[in-house]
Amino acid sequence: MAYERIIAHNDFDGVVSTAIVSRATGLDRFLFAGPRVIIDSRMPLFPTDIVCDLPCPLQCAMWFDHHEGNLEDLRLRGVDPSTIPGRFERRDSCARVVYEYYSPTAALPAFYAATVDEADVLDAFKFSTVEEWRRETPGKIVDGAIQGQEGHPRQRDEFLRVLVRLVRDFPLAEVAGRGDILEHYRRSKQQEERMLETIGKEARFLDGDPGKQLIVIDFTPMSKPPRMVKKLAFLLFPEARAVLEIRNPMRGSVKTTDLSLSMSLGVGVSAAEGTRNVGEIMRELNIGDGHAGAGAGGVNCRSKAEMLSEKERLLREILRLWYLQGGPGKSNSG
């Protein structure tokens, strides 16, 4: 079959995955999306597309992924994952899955090994200390450049396409050292300062949390929720073990009554507490998916009253499931 496009998640892992597939297949047409776009079928996809780091669409030529919930979704749809060309593996990043798939047959550059290592660390949030997390590496600089994108989504997608070609053709350290990438990275650091101010005003420990372990940043009262890197909350609340962000997604410039939730473990918690699994919480609630260290989900609500009721229910359930998972600080109240 002739492949025509690569469709990937619009983050660092998606960029690296796309770069590897592009090198292995010769494809140079890239589109980017978030998981919800695929789930809601808001992007036309075709049998000639290669899909990376996203839910498996109804039709595609190949599918690469590492999210447990996406695999379960296939099974619920009555689809045998082994019948889909490509590969699913439980790895720290989709880039690792793609790299292992193509390495035996494609002439991949030696520098891809270091690039994929950075994708593993960033996507799984594998940091033992705050100092390690905040230390600049090529991967963090490139990831920050992605986070620093503002303006129209088309501009962001064009930046991602340029970035894919750079990551495909050059070592990550060279990409991170480019003036334009550094400028985008510096912009993201300035945005972080504003985000920290917002977190300081809006973040709180989840109501009823007996161990003061879960921070919630609730943007639902805001008419236009700001962009946010929720993990920055750990700089202000280093004792916290997880952070949960909840907001109403926008449709164009209109705020909806739907709910979008994303949650991440604290620095070092994933390694120290093997029982903690944020993705499993999202799957247990049947609202989304994720890794052990991070997960996201969404709920459609028909009215503001339904949204507020559902928000309170989800917050209670997340707190309950968190303590049921156990680990240090487990409370009998869960």
Foldseek 3Di string as FASTA:
>chain_A
DAAAEEEEALALLRLLLLLLVCQQRVHQHYHHDHQVCQVVVVDDDDQRYEYFQHQDHPHYVAYFHAWPVSVVVCVVVVHDVVVGHADYDNALGSSVSSCVVCVVPGPADPLSVVSVVLRSCVSNVQFQDPCRVPDDDLSLLQRLLLVLDDDDPVVSRVVSSVSSNDVNPDRSVVVSPDPSSNVSNVSSVVVVVVQVVLCVVFKDQQPPQPQSAEIERECAVPFDDDDHDQLCVCVVVVRHFKYKYKYFDADVSGGALKIKMKMFTHGNNVVQFVLAAPQVLCVVVPFWGGGSGMIMGIGDDDDNVRSVVVVVVSSVSSSVVRLVSPDPPRDPVD
